[in-house]
Amino acid sequence: MSLQRTRAAIDVIEHRVGELVQRIEELERENRSLLARQESLVAERAGLVQRNEEARSRVEAMIERLKSLESAS
């Protein structure tokens, strides 16, 4: 293999490695973003579950009050 061909092959490899490094950096950024979004959604879900439980508790208390009013009359 001539020196020119060797240099051309090395240039191609360097270019591909550079592209791979850029792709890895892009995927790492995307991964960090997705992890942050997941964390946010998990926290949001926990809040919604808590609010749902509070609402369920209030409705059950209202039902009990209505039953007691109904049986008192």
Protein backbone atom coordinates (compact mmCIF):
# COMPACT_ATOMS: atom_id res chain seq x y z
CA MET A 1 0.00 0.00 0.00
CA SER A 2 1.36 3.35 -0.94
CA LEU A 3 1.87 6.18 1.49
CA GLN A 4 -0.93 8.16 -0.19
CA ARG A 5 -3.41 5.30 0.18
CA THR A 6 -2.40 4.77 3.79
CA ARG A 7 -2.85 8.47 4.53
CA ALA A 8 -6.24 8.47 2.73
CA ALA A 9 -7.37 5.44 4.75
CA ILE A 10 -6.25 7.11 7.98
CA ASP A 11 -8.12 10.29 6.99
CA VAL A 12 -11.30 8.27 6.38
CA ILE A 13 -10.91 6.52 9.73
CA GLU A 14 -10.29 9.85 11.52
CA HIS A 15 -13.38 11.31 9.87
CA ARG A 16 -15.53 8.33 10.92
CA VAL A 17 -14.18 8.46 14.48
CA GLY A 18 -15.04 12.16 14.60
CA GLU A 19 -18.57 11.40 13.42
CA LEU A 20 -18.88 8.68 16.04
CA VAL A 21 -17.69 11.01 18.79
CA GLN A 22 -20.27 13.60 17.72
CA ARG A 23 -23.01 10.96 17.68
CA ILE A 24 -22.03 9.73 21.15
CA GLU A 25 -22.13 13.29 22.50
CA GLU A 26 -25.55 13.82 20.90
CA LEU A 27 -26.87 10.59 22.40
CA GLU A 28 -25.48 11.49 25.82
CA ARG A 29 -27.26 14.88 25.68
CA GLU A 30 -30.48 13.22 24.57
CA ASN A 31 -30.16 10.61 27.32
CA ARG A 32 -29.67 13.30 29.98
CA SER A 33 -32.69 15.15 28.65
CA LEU A 34 -34.83 12.02 28.66
CA LEU A 35 -33.75 11.12 32.19
CA ALA A 36 -34.65 14.62 33.41
CA ARG A 37 -38.03 14.38 31.66
CA GLN A 38 -38.65 10.96 33.19
CA GLU A 39 -37.81 12.30 36.64
CA SER A 40 -40.21 15.18 36.11
CA LEU A 41 -42.99 12.87 34.96
CA VAL A 42 -42.47 10.52 37.90
CA ALA A 43 -42.74 13.46 40.31
CA GLU A 44 -45.82 14.76 38.49
CA ARG A 45 -47.43 11.32 38.64
CA ALA A 46 -46.74 11.05 42.37
CA GLY A 47 -48.46 14.40 42.89
CA LEU A 48 -51.45 13.32 40.83
CA VAL A 49 -51.74 10.05 42.74
CA GLN A 50 -51.69 11.97 46.01
CA ARG A 51 -54.34 14.42 44.79
CA ASN A 52 -56.46 11.51 43.58
CA GLU A 53 -56.24 9.83 46.98
CA GLU A 54 -57.18 13.09 48.73
CA ALA A 55 -60.18 13.53 46.43
CA ARG A 56 -61.25 9.92 47.00
CA SER A 57 -61.02 10.44 50.75
CA ARG A 58 -63.14 13.61 50.58
CA VAL A 59 -65.78 11.89 48.44
CA GLU A 60 -65.93 8.93 50.82
CA ALA A 61 -66.33 11.33 53.76
CA MET A 62 -69.18 13.13 51.95
CA ILE A 63 -70.90 9.82 51.24
CA GLU A 64 -70.64 8.86 54.90
CA ARG A 65 -72.10 12.22 55.96
CA LEU A 66 -74.96 11.83 53.49
CA LYS A 67 -75.68 8.32 54.78
CA SER A 68 -75.70 9.55 58.36
CA LEU A 69 -78.05 12.43 57.42
CA GLU A 70 -80.30 10.02 55.56
CA SER A 71 -80.50 7.58 58.45
CA ALA A 72 -81.09 10.43 60.95
CA SER A 73 -84.21 11.58 59.10
